[in-house]
């Protein structure tokens, strides 16, 4: 995919960072890495923000970092309580990791985007229009899992493949 130069300028410090590049090896949904998913969400959010005169830089950075959590969730085989499962906790992990790795890029709007992108799972209501856009684009980019019904139990936390 060919991206606009402005988009690449905003995300260059992130996509050239070794810690972020590791997400190319983290599976997200079906055959898509966290890196690729995040790029999709970021670019769709960027294009929407440009068209609707929103904060383009913040939405792009927030969208790219929305799933910048610590480790591949699909490799975790330990049983967790329902509210401790990935869908409920990864947004907070992504914000912590983003603040630690890219403190110079984080502002209140980006924080809101990252930590509230899982609404309504995270319950906290998005404060900014940009957060609502990333929340929506994340869901749109994740719809591909609906084509794979055998995977539903894994995504709903009802089964762990490889669990011993």
N, C-alpha and C. Protein backbone atom coordinates (compact mmCIF):
# COMPACT_ATOMS: atom_id res chain seq x y z
N UNK A 1 0.84 -1.18 0.00
CA UNK A 1 0.00 0.00 0.00
C UNK A 1 0.88 1.24 0.00
N UNK A 2 0.50 2.22 -0.76
CA UNK A 2 1.23 3.48 -0.83
C UNK A 2 0.57 4.47 0.13
N UNK A 3 1.38 5.02 1.03
CA UNK A 3 0.88 5.97 2.02
C UNK A 3 1.29 7.38 1.64
N UNK A 4 0.51 8.35 2.08
CA UNK A 4 0.84 9.76 1.87
C UNK A 4 2.06 10.11 2.72
N UNK A 5 2.89 11.01 2.23
CA UNK A 5 4.12 11.39 2.92
C UNK A 5 3.82 12.01 4.30
N UNK A 6 2.78 12.81 4.40
CA UNK A 6 2.42 13.41 5.69
C UNK A 6 2.17 12.33 6.74
N UNK A 7 1.44 11.29 6.36
CA UNK A 7 1.16 10.16 7.25
C UNK A 7 2.48 9.53 7.70
N UNK A 8 3.37 9.26 6.77
CA UNK A 8 4.66 8.65 7.09
C UNK A 8 5.51 9.55 7.98
N UNK A 9 5.44 10.85 7.77
CA UNK A 9 6.19 11.79 8.61
C UNK A 9 5.71 11.72 10.06
N UNK A 10 4.42 11.63 10.27
CA UNK A 10 3.88 11.54 11.63
C UNK A 10 4.32 10.27 12.33
N UNK A 11 4.37 9.16 11.61
CA UNK A 11 4.60 7.86 12.26
C UNK A 11 6.04 7.37 12.19
N UNK A 12 6.90 8.07 11.48
CA UNK A 12 8.28 7.61 11.30
C UNK A 12 9.00 7.28 12.61
N UNK A 13 8.90 8.12 13.65
CA UNK A 13 9.60 7.76 14.90
C UNK A 13 9.09 6.46 15.51
N UNK A 14 7.86 6.10 15.20
CA UNK A 14 7.27 4.88 15.77
C UNK A 14 7.64 3.66 14.93
N UNK A 15 7.45 3.74 13.62
CA UNK A 15 7.67 2.56 12.78
C UNK A 15 9.15 2.22 12.58
N UNK A 16 10.04 3.10 13.02
CA UNK A 16 11.48 2.81 12.96
C UNK A 16 12.02 2.39 14.33
N UNK A 17 11.15 2.31 15.32
CA UNK A 17 11.54 1.93 16.68
C UNK A 17 11.57 0.40 16.80
N UNK A 18 12.65 -0.14 17.32
CA UNK A 18 12.82 -1.59 17.43
C UNK A 18 11.70 -2.26 18.23
N UNK A 19 11.27 -1.63 19.31
CA UNK A 19 10.21 -2.21 20.14
C UNK A 19 8.90 -2.27 19.36
N UNK A 20 8.59 -1.25 18.60
CA UNK A 20 7.36 -1.27 17.81
C UNK A 20 7.46 -2.29 16.67
N UNK A 21 8.61 -2.40 16.06
CA UNK A 21 8.82 -3.34 14.95
C UNK A 21 8.56 -4.78 15.39
N UNK A 22 8.79 -5.09 16.67
CA UNK A 22 8.52 -6.44 17.18
C UNK A 22 7.07 -6.85 16.95
N UNK A 23 6.16 -5.87 16.82
CA UNK A 23 4.74 -6.18 16.63
C UNK A 23 4.46 -6.82 15.28
N UNK A 24 5.45 -6.83 14.39
CA UNK A 24 5.31 -7.55 13.12
C UNK A 24 5.22 -9.06 13.38
N UNK A 25 5.76 -9.49 14.53
CA UNK A 25 5.74 -10.90 14.89
C UNK A 25 4.62 -11.27 15.85
N UNK A 26 3.82 -10.30 16.28
CA UNK A 26 2.70 -10.55 17.18
C UNK A 26 1.46 -10.75 16.31
N UNK A 27 0.88 -11.93 16.37
CA UNK A 27 -0.36 -12.15 15.62
C UNK A 27 -1.50 -11.41 16.31
N UNK A 28 -2.35 -10.84 15.49
CA UNK A 28 -3.48 -10.09 16.01
C UNK A 28 -4.78 -10.84 15.72
N UNK A 29 -5.27 -10.71 14.53
CA UNK A 29 -6.47 -11.42 14.11
C UNK A 29 -6.16 -12.27 12.89
N UNK A 30 -6.43 -13.54 12.99
CA UNK A 30 -6.24 -14.52 11.93
C UNK A 30 -4.80 -14.45 11.42
N UNK A 31 -4.56 -13.94 10.23
CA UNK A 31 -3.21 -13.89 9.65
C UNK A 31 -2.66 -12.48 9.55
N UNK A 32 -3.04 -11.63 10.46
CA UNK A 32 -2.61 -10.23 10.43
C UNK A 32 -1.83 -9.92 11.69
N UNK A 33 -0.68 -9.29 11.53
CA UNK A 33 0.13 -8.93 12.70
C UNK A 33 -0.45 -7.68 13.37
N UNK A 34 -0.04 -7.47 14.60
CA UNK A 34 -0.43 -6.25 15.32
C UNK A 34 0.09 -5.04 14.56
N UNK A 35 1.29 -5.14 14.02
CA UNK A 35 1.88 -4.05 13.24
C UNK A 35 0.99 -3.70 12.05
N UNK A 36 0.63 -4.70 11.26
CA UNK A 36 -0.19 -4.46 10.07
C UNK A 36 -1.59 -3.95 10.44
N UNK A 37 -2.18 -4.53 11.46
CA UNK A 37 -3.49 -4.06 11.92
C UNK A 37 -3.40 -2.59 12.35
N UNK A 38 -2.38 -2.26 13.12
CA UNK A 38 -2.22 -0.89 13.60
C UNK A 38 -2.01 0.09 12.45
N UNK A 39 -1.26 -0.33 11.45
CA UNK A 39 -1.07 0.52 10.26
C UNK A 39 -2.41 0.74 9.54
N UNK A 40 -3.22 -0.30 9.42
CA UNK A 40 -4.53 -0.16 8.78
C UNK A 40 -5.41 0.83 9.54
N UNK A 41 -5.50 0.65 10.84
CA UNK A 41 -6.33 1.53 11.66
C UNK A 41 -5.81 2.96 11.58
N UNK A 42 -4.50 3.12 11.66
CA UNK A 42 -3.91 4.47 11.61
C UNK A 42 -4.17 5.16 10.28
N UNK A 43 -4.01 4.44 9.19
CA UNK A 43 -4.20 5.08 7.89
C UNK A 43 -5.66 5.42 7.63
N UNK A 44 -6.56 4.53 7.97
CA UNK A 44 -8.00 4.82 7.81
C UNK A 44 -8.39 6.01 8.69
N UNK A 45 -7.88 6.06 9.90
CA UNK A 45 -8.17 7.17 10.82
C UNK A 45 -7.58 8.47 10.29
N UNK A 46 -6.36 8.40 9.79
CA UNK A 46 -5.69 9.56 9.20
C UNK A 46 -6.51 10.14 8.05
N UNK A 47 -6.93 9.29 7.13
CA UNK A 47 -7.71 9.76 5.97
C UNK A 47 -9.04 10.39 6.42
N UNK A 48 -9.71 9.76 7.38
CA UNK A 48 -10.96 10.29 7.89
C UNK A 48 -10.73 11.66 8.54
N UNK A 49 -9.68 11.76 9.36
CA UNK A 49 -9.38 13.01 10.07
C UNK A 49 -9.08 14.14 9.09
N UNK A 50 -8.35 13.84 8.03
CA UNK A 50 -8.05 14.87 7.02
C UNK A 50 -9.34 15.36 6.37
N UNK A 51 -10.18 14.43 6.00
CA UNK A 51 -11.43 14.78 5.31
C UNK A 51 -12.36 15.59 6.19
N UNK A 52 -12.37 15.29 7.50
CA UNK A 52 -13.31 15.93 8.41
C UNK A 52 -12.67 16.98 9.31
N UNK A 53 -11.45 17.39 8.97
CA UNK A 53 -10.75 18.48 9.67
C UNK A 53 -10.62 18.25 11.18
N UNK A 54 -10.19 17.04 11.53
CA UNK A 54 -9.91 16.70 12.91
C UNK A 54 -8.41 16.86 13.17
N UNK A 55 -7.96 16.53 14.35
CA UNK A 55 -6.54 16.60 14.72
C UNK A 55 -5.83 15.40 14.06
N UNK A 56 -5.29 15.64 12.89
CA UNK A 56 -4.72 14.57 12.06
C UNK A 56 -3.51 13.93 12.73
N UNK A 57 -2.63 14.71 13.27
CA UNK A 57 -1.42 14.16 13.88
C UNK A 57 -1.75 13.29 15.09
N UNK A 58 -2.59 13.79 15.99
CA UNK A 58 -2.93 13.02 17.19
C UNK A 58 -3.68 11.74 16.85
N UNK A 59 -4.62 11.81 15.90
CA UNK A 59 -5.38 10.62 15.56
C UNK A 59 -4.48 9.57 14.92
N UNK A 60 -3.52 10.01 14.13
CA UNK A 60 -2.61 9.08 13.46
C UNK A 60 -1.71 8.37 14.47
N UNK A 61 -1.13 9.13 15.37
CA UNK A 61 -0.24 8.56 16.38
C UNK A 61 -1.03 7.67 17.35
N UNK A 62 -2.17 8.17 17.82
CA UNK A 62 -2.99 7.38 18.75
C UNK A 62 -3.45 6.07 18.13
N UNK A 63 -3.87 6.14 16.87
CA UNK A 63 -4.33 4.93 16.18
C UNK A 63 -3.19 3.94 16.00
N UNK A 64 -2.02 4.43 15.67
CA UNK A 64 -0.89 3.52 15.47
C UNK A 64 -0.48 2.84 16.78
N UNK A 65 -0.63 3.53 17.89
CA UNK A 65 -0.20 2.99 19.18
C UNK A 65 -1.32 2.31 19.97
N UNK A 66 -2.53 2.24 19.41
CA UNK A 66 -3.67 1.73 20.18
C UNK A 66 -3.50 0.29 20.65
N UNK A 67 -2.73 -0.51 19.96
CA UNK A 67 -2.49 -1.91 20.36
C UNK A 67 -1.01 -2.17 20.67
N UNK A 68 -0.33 -1.19 21.18
CA UNK A 68 1.10 -1.32 21.51
C UNK A 68 1.27 -1.93 22.90
N UNK A 69 0.65 -3.11 23.09
CA UNK A 69 0.69 -3.80 24.37
C UNK A 69 1.98 -4.60 24.49
N UNK A 70 2.21 -5.19 25.67
CA UNK A 70 3.50 -5.77 26.03
C UNK A 70 3.92 -7.02 25.25
N UNK A 71 3.03 -7.99 25.14
CA UNK A 71 3.43 -9.26 24.53
C UNK A 71 2.27 -9.86 23.75
N UNK A 72 2.54 -10.81 22.87
CA UNK A 72 1.47 -11.41 22.06
C UNK A 72 0.41 -12.09 22.93
N UNK A 73 -0.81 -11.58 22.90
CA UNK A 73 -1.86 -12.11 23.76
C UNK A 73 -2.26 -13.53 23.39
N UNK A 74 -2.12 -13.90 22.13
CA UNK A 74 -2.54 -15.23 21.71
C UNK A 74 -1.60 -16.32 22.23
N UNK A 75 -0.41 -15.93 22.66
CA UNK A 75 0.53 -16.90 23.21
C UNK A 75 0.31 -17.14 24.70
N UNK A 76 -0.50 -16.32 25.33
CA UNK A 76 -0.77 -16.47 26.76
C UNK A 76 -1.75 -17.63 26.97
N UNK A 77 -1.30 -18.65 27.65
CA UNK A 77 -2.13 -19.85 27.87
C UNK A 77 -2.70 -19.92 29.28
N UNK A 78 -2.39 -18.92 30.12
CA UNK A 78 -2.89 -18.97 31.49
C UNK A 78 -4.35 -18.51 31.53
N UNK A 79 -5.11 -19.16 32.38
CA UNK A 79 -6.52 -18.81 32.54
C UNK A 79 -6.61 -17.53 33.36
N UNK A 80 -7.46 -16.61 32.91
CA UNK A 80 -7.63 -15.34 33.61
C UNK A 80 -9.10 -15.11 33.90
N UNK A 81 -9.35 -14.28 34.89
CA UNK A 81 -10.72 -13.87 35.16
C UNK A 81 -11.21 -13.07 33.96
N UNK A 82 -12.52 -13.05 33.77
CA UNK A 82 -13.12 -12.41 32.60
C UNK A 82 -12.64 -10.97 32.40
N UNK A 83 -12.68 -10.15 33.44
CA UNK A 83 -12.30 -8.73 33.32
C UNK A 83 -10.79 -8.52 33.24
N UNK A 84 -10.00 -9.60 33.35
CA UNK A 84 -8.54 -9.51 33.22
C UNK A 84 -8.06 -10.00 31.86
N UNK A 85 -9.01 -10.35 31.00
CA UNK A 85 -8.65 -10.86 29.68
C UNK A 85 -8.17 -9.73 28.78
N UNK A 86 -7.49 -10.10 27.72
CA UNK A 86 -6.84 -9.17 26.81
C UNK A 86 -7.73 -8.00 26.38
N UNK A 87 -8.95 -8.28 25.96
CA UNK A 87 -9.83 -7.24 25.46
C UNK A 87 -10.10 -6.13 26.47
N UNK A 88 -10.00 -6.46 27.75
CA UNK A 88 -10.26 -5.47 28.80
C UNK A 88 -9.01 -4.75 29.27
N UNK A 89 -7.84 -5.36 29.15
CA UNK A 89 -6.63 -4.77 29.76
C UNK A 89 -5.61 -4.24 28.77
N UNK A 90 -5.68 -4.63 27.52
CA UNK A 90 -4.58 -4.26 26.61
C UNK A 90 -4.52 -2.78 26.30
N UNK A 91 -5.62 -2.06 26.39
CA UNK A 91 -5.58 -0.62 26.11
C UNK A 91 -4.73 0.10 27.17
N UNK A 92 -4.91 -0.29 28.42
CA UNK A 92 -4.10 0.31 29.50
C UNK A 92 -2.62 -0.06 29.32
N UNK A 93 -2.36 -1.31 28.96
CA UNK A 93 -0.98 -1.74 28.70
C UNK A 93 -0.38 -0.95 27.54
N UNK A 94 -1.18 -0.74 26.49
CA UNK A 94 -0.70 0.00 25.32
C UNK A 94 -0.35 1.44 25.69
N UNK A 95 -1.16 2.05 26.54
CA UNK A 95 -0.86 3.42 26.97
C UNK A 95 0.41 3.46 27.81
N UNK A 96 0.54 2.54 28.75
CA UNK A 96 1.77 2.50 29.58
C UNK A 96 2.99 2.32 28.70
N UNK A 97 2.93 1.39 27.77
CA UNK A 97 4.05 1.10 26.88
C UNK A 97 4.36 2.31 25.98
N UNK A 98 3.32 2.97 25.50
CA UNK A 98 3.50 4.14 24.64
C UNK A 98 4.16 5.29 25.39
N UNK A 99 3.72 5.52 26.62
CA UNK A 99 4.32 6.59 27.44
C UNK A 99 5.78 6.30 27.75
N UNK A 100 6.08 5.03 27.98
CA UNK A 100 7.45 4.64 28.30
C UNK A 100 8.35 4.75 27.06
N UNK A 101 7.86 4.33 25.90
CA UNK A 101 8.67 4.25 24.70
C UNK A 101 8.68 5.56 23.90
N UNK A 102 7.56 6.28 23.90
CA UNK A 102 7.44 7.51 23.09
C UNK A 102 6.89 8.67 23.91
N UNK A 103 7.51 9.01 25.04
CA UNK A 103 6.93 10.07 25.91
C UNK A 103 6.78 11.41 25.19
N UNK A 104 7.65 11.69 24.25
CA UNK A 104 7.62 12.97 23.54
C UNK A 104 6.45 13.08 22.56
N UNK A 105 5.82 11.97 22.23
CA UNK A 105 4.72 11.98 21.27
C UNK A 105 3.34 12.01 21.92
N UNK A 106 3.28 11.73 23.21
CA UNK A 106 1.99 11.53 23.88
C UNK A 106 1.42 12.86 24.39
N UNK A 107 0.15 13.10 24.07
CA UNK A 107 -0.58 14.26 24.60
C UNK A 107 -1.92 13.73 25.14
N UNK A 108 -2.72 14.57 25.79
CA UNK A 108 -3.98 14.07 26.37
C UNK A 108 -4.92 13.41 25.35
N UNK A 109 -4.97 13.91 24.15
CA UNK A 109 -5.86 13.34 23.14
C UNK A 109 -5.37 11.95 22.72
N UNK A 110 -4.07 11.80 22.54
CA UNK A 110 -3.50 10.50 22.18
C UNK A 110 -3.72 9.50 23.32
N UNK A 111 -3.55 9.95 24.55
CA UNK A 111 -3.82 9.08 25.70
C UNK A 111 -5.26 8.57 25.66
N UNK A 112 -6.19 9.46 25.41
CA UNK A 112 -7.61 9.10 25.37
C UNK A 112 -7.87 8.09 24.25
N UNK A 113 -7.27 8.33 23.09
CA UNK A 113 -7.43 7.42 21.95
C UNK A 113 -6.97 6.02 22.32
N UNK A 114 -5.79 5.92 22.89
CA UNK A 114 -5.21 4.62 23.20
C UNK A 114 -6.01 3.90 24.29
N UNK A 115 -6.26 4.58 25.39
CA UNK A 115 -6.84 3.90 26.54
C UNK A 115 -8.34 3.63 26.40
N UNK A 116 -9.01 4.35 25.48
CA UNK A 116 -10.46 4.16 25.35
C UNK A 116 -10.89 3.54 24.03
N UNK A 117 -9.94 3.07 23.23
CA UNK A 117 -10.30 2.53 21.91
C UNK A 117 -11.14 1.26 21.98
N UNK A 118 -11.19 0.62 23.12
CA UNK A 118 -11.98 -0.61 23.26
C UNK A 118 -13.38 -0.36 23.80
N UNK A 119 -13.82 0.88 23.82
CA UNK A 119 -15.18 1.17 24.23
C UNK A 119 -16.14 0.33 23.39
N UNK A 120 -17.11 -0.33 23.97
CA UNK A 120 -17.60 -0.22 25.34
C UNK A 120 -16.97 -1.21 26.32
N UNK A 121 -16.03 -2.06 25.89
CA UNK A 121 -15.42 -3.00 26.84
C UNK A 121 -14.72 -2.29 28.00
N UNK A 122 -14.07 -1.18 27.72
CA UNK A 122 -13.35 -0.50 28.79
C UNK A 122 -14.24 0.46 29.58
N UNK A 123 -15.49 0.57 29.22
CA UNK A 123 -16.54 1.33 29.89
C UNK A 123 -16.34 2.86 29.81
N UNK A 124 -15.12 3.35 29.98
CA UNK A 124 -14.88 4.80 29.94
C UNK A 124 -15.24 5.35 28.55
N UNK A 125 -16.05 6.38 28.53
CA UNK A 125 -16.53 6.96 27.28
C UNK A 125 -15.46 7.84 26.66
N UNK A 126 -15.20 7.69 25.37
CA UNK A 126 -14.23 8.54 24.69
C UNK A 126 -14.56 10.03 24.84
N UNK A 127 -13.53 10.83 25.07
CA UNK A 127 -13.70 12.26 25.30
C UNK A 127 -13.64 13.08 24.01
N UNK A 128 -12.89 12.59 23.02
CA UNK A 128 -12.65 13.36 21.80
C UNK A 128 -13.25 12.68 20.58
N UNK A 129 -13.56 13.48 19.57
CA UNK A 129 -14.05 12.92 18.29
C UNK A 129 -13.02 11.95 17.73
N UNK A 130 -11.75 12.28 17.86
CA UNK A 130 -10.68 11.43 17.33
C UNK A 130 -10.70 10.05 17.99
N UNK A 131 -11.02 10.00 19.27
CA UNK A 131 -11.10 8.71 19.96
C UNK A 131 -12.24 7.87 19.39
N UNK A 132 -13.37 8.51 19.15
CA UNK A 132 -14.51 7.79 18.56
C UNK A 132 -14.15 7.24 17.18
N UNK A 133 -13.42 8.02 16.40
CA UNK A 133 -13.03 7.58 15.05
C UNK A 133 -12.13 6.36 15.13
N UNK A 134 -11.11 6.40 15.98
CA UNK A 134 -10.19 5.26 16.11
C UNK A 134 -10.93 4.04 16.65
N UNK A 135 -11.83 4.24 17.59
CA UNK A 135 -12.63 3.13 18.12
C UNK A 135 -13.40 2.46 16.98
N UNK A 136 -14.00 3.27 16.15
CA UNK A 136 -14.77 2.74 15.01
C UNK A 136 -13.86 2.05 13.99
N UNK A 137 -12.76 2.71 13.61
CA UNK A 137 -11.86 2.14 12.60
C UNK A 137 -11.24 0.84 13.08
N UNK A 138 -10.96 0.75 14.37
CA UNK A 138 -10.42 -0.49 14.94
C UNK A 138 -11.42 -1.62 14.76
N UNK A 139 -12.70 -1.34 15.00
CA UNK A 139 -13.72 -2.37 14.83
C UNK A 139 -13.86 -2.76 13.36
N UNK A 140 -13.87 -1.76 12.48
CA UNK A 140 -13.98 -2.04 11.04
C UNK A 140 -12.82 -2.91 10.57
N UNK A 141 -11.62 -2.58 10.99
CA UNK A 141 -10.44 -3.35 10.57
C UNK A 141 -10.38 -4.74 11.20
N UNK A 142 -11.16 -4.96 12.23
CA UNK A 142 -11.16 -6.26 12.90
C UNK A 142 -12.29 -7.18 12.44
N UNK A 143 -13.14 -6.71 11.58
CA UNK A 143 -14.30 -7.49 11.15
C UNK A 143 -13.94 -8.76 10.38
N UNK A 144 -12.75 -8.85 9.88
CA UNK A 144 -12.34 -10.03 9.12
C UNK A 144 -12.47 -11.31 9.94
N UNK A 145 -12.38 -11.20 11.25
CA UNK A 145 -12.50 -12.41 12.09
C UNK A 145 -13.87 -13.06 11.94
N UNK A 146 -14.88 -12.29 11.53
CA UNK A 146 -16.21 -12.86 11.37
C UNK A 146 -16.27 -13.90 10.26
N UNK A 147 -15.29 -13.90 9.37
CA UNK A 147 -15.23 -14.88 8.30
C UNK A 147 -14.68 -16.22 8.78
N UNK A 148 -14.28 -16.29 10.06
CA UNK A 148 -13.62 -17.48 10.60
C UNK A 148 -14.32 -17.94 11.89
N UNK A 149 -15.51 -18.52 11.77
CA UNK A 149 -16.28 -18.90 12.97
C UNK A 149 -15.57 -19.86 13.91
N UNK A 150 -14.65 -20.69 13.39
CA UNK A 150 -13.93 -21.61 14.26
C UNK A 150 -13.03 -20.88 15.25
N UNK A 151 -12.72 -19.63 14.96
CA UNK A 151 -11.86 -18.83 15.83
C UNK A 151 -12.64 -18.08 16.91
N UNK A 152 -13.95 -18.02 16.81
CA UNK A 152 -14.76 -17.25 17.76
C UNK A 152 -14.47 -17.59 19.22
N UNK A 153 -14.42 -18.89 19.59
CA UNK A 153 -14.17 -19.19 21.01
C UNK A 153 -12.87 -18.57 21.53
N UNK A 154 -11.84 -18.57 20.71
CA UNK A 154 -10.55 -17.98 21.13
C UNK A 154 -10.72 -16.49 21.40
N UNK A 155 -11.38 -15.76 20.50
CA UNK A 155 -11.53 -14.32 20.65
C UNK A 155 -12.50 -13.94 21.77
N UNK A 156 -13.37 -14.86 22.11
CA UNK A 156 -14.31 -14.61 23.20
C UNK A 156 -13.78 -15.14 24.54
N UNK A 157 -12.57 -15.72 24.52
CA UNK A 157 -11.97 -16.22 25.75
C UNK A 157 -12.58 -17.52 26.24
N UNK A 158 -13.25 -18.23 25.36
CA UNK A 158 -13.90 -19.48 25.75
C UNK A 158 -13.01 -20.69 25.53
N UNK A 159 -11.92 -20.49 24.79
CA UNK A 159 -11.01 -21.59 24.51
C UNK A 159 -9.62 -21.05 24.31
N UNK A 160 -8.65 -21.84 24.66
CA UNK A 160 -7.25 -21.48 24.47
C UNK A 160 -6.61 -22.61 23.67
N UNK A 161 -6.30 -22.35 22.41
CA UNK A 161 -5.64 -23.37 21.63
C UNK A 161 -4.27 -23.66 22.22
N UNK A 162 -3.97 -24.92 22.32
CA UNK A 162 -2.66 -25.31 22.88
C UNK A 162 -2.65 -25.31 24.40
N UNK A 163 -3.77 -25.09 25.04
CA UNK A 163 -3.81 -25.08 26.49
C UNK A 163 -3.54 -26.48 27.03
N UNK A 164 -2.73 -26.56 28.06
CA UNK A 164 -2.36 -27.85 28.65
C UNK A 164 -3.06 -28.06 29.96
